[in-house]
Protein backbone atom coordinates (compact mmCIF):
# COMPACT_ATOMS: atom_id res chain seq x y z
CA MET A 1 -33.43 60.23 -10.67
CA SER A 2 -31.53 57.48 -8.88
CA ALA A 3 -32.33 56.33 -5.35
CA LYS A 4 -30.05 57.46 -2.56
CA GLN A 5 -27.69 54.75 -1.36
CA TYR A 6 -27.13 54.08 2.34
CA PHE A 7 -24.39 52.14 4.13
CA LYS A 8 -24.11 50.66 7.61
CA CYS A 9 -22.20 52.70 10.19
CA SER A 10 -18.56 51.62 10.15
CA ASN A 11 -18.51 51.43 13.96
CA CYS A 12 -21.77 50.00 15.30
CA GLU A 13 -23.17 48.55 12.05
CA LEU A 14 -26.68 49.21 13.44
CA ASN A 15 -27.52 52.58 11.91
CA PHE A 16 -27.28 53.73 8.31
CA VAL A 17 -25.23 56.61 6.89
CA GLU A 18 -25.03 58.31 3.49
CA GLU A 19 -21.30 57.74 2.91
CA GLU A 20 -19.44 54.46 2.89
CA GLY A 21 -17.15 54.12 5.90
CA GLY A 22 -18.95 56.92 7.77
CA LEU A 23 -20.16 57.04 11.36
CA CYS A 24 -23.81 57.39 12.42
CA SER A 25 -24.87 60.33 14.62
CA VAL A 26 -24.71 58.22 17.80
CA CYS A 27 -21.13 57.08 17.10
CA LYS A 28 -20.12 60.63 16.10
CA SER A 29 -21.48 61.89 19.41
CA GLN A 30 -19.53 59.22 21.29
CA ALA A 31 -16.38 60.08 19.30
CA LYS A 32 -16.73 63.76 20.25
CA ARG A 33 -16.95 62.79 23.93
CA ASN A 34 -13.83 60.63 23.50
CA GLU A 35 -11.96 63.55 21.92
CA ARG A 36 -12.90 65.84 24.82
CA ASN A 37 -11.78 63.26 27.37
CA ASP A 38 -8.28 62.49 26.12
CA GLY A 39 -7.79 64.09 22.71
CA VAL A 40 -7.69 60.73 20.93
CA PHE A 41 -10.38 59.78 18.42
CA ASN A 42 -11.34 56.17 19.01
CA PRO A 43 -14.90 55.22 18.01
CA MET A 44 -14.30 51.61 19.07
CA ARG A 45 -13.53 52.55 22.69
CA LYS A 46 -15.52 50.55 25.20
CA TYR A 47 -17.64 52.73 27.47
CA LYS A 48 -18.87 51.60 30.89
CA ASN A 49 -21.14 53.30 33.41
CA VAL A 50 -24.08 52.57 35.70
CA CYS A 51 -27.76 53.29 35.13
CA PHE A 52 -28.84 56.41 37.01
CA GLN A 53 -32.27 54.84 37.72
CA CYS A 54 -31.61 51.23 38.78
CA ARG A 55 -27.78 51.28 39.25
CA GLU A 56 -27.31 48.33 36.85
CA ASN A 57 -23.87 48.15 35.19
CA LEU A 58 -23.88 49.36 31.55
CA ASP A 59 -21.34 48.50 28.85
CA SER A 60 -21.22 49.81 25.26
CA GLN A 61 -20.16 46.35 24.12
CA PHE A 62 -23.57 44.95 25.10
CA ASP A 63 -25.96 47.90 25.58
CA LYS A 64 -27.17 50.14 22.75
CA PHE A 65 -26.88 53.93 22.56
CA CYS A 66 -30.07 55.99 22.37
CA PRO A 67 -30.25 57.80 18.99
CA GLN A 68 -31.90 60.86 20.60
CA CYS A 69 -29.67 61.58 23.62
CA GLY A 70 -26.57 59.45 22.91
CA TRP A 71 -26.65 57.76 26.33
CA LEU A 72 -26.53 54.01 26.80
CA ILE A 73 -29.97 52.45 27.15
CA CYS A 74 -30.23 50.33 30.30
CA HIS A 75 -30.88 46.68 29.50
CA ASN A 76 -32.59 46.27 32.88
CA CYS A 77 -35.05 49.19 33.14
CA GLY A 78 -34.83 50.85 29.69
CA SER A 79 -33.72 54.26 31.01
CA CYS A 80 -31.48 56.68 29.10
CA GLY A 81 -30.85 60.42 29.19
CA CYS A 82 -34.25 61.16 27.65
CA VAL A 83 -36.08 60.11 30.84
């Protein structure tokens, strides 16, 4: 029995996926939100918001997405949608 092969997510390159060129669950979740917003699939879209706890500016270019809730994790206080 051969070992399963994993590849880096084609978007964030942080998480691993089972198929080459695939998106991880966090990027898929973000892509679904993008589709609902304007009908255009764009996993590379930059997302900006503010932290609901400390009001610090958040940016998907610099802040990571939480794998559980899909929200950006605040670089200042560590909050996300799980809190």
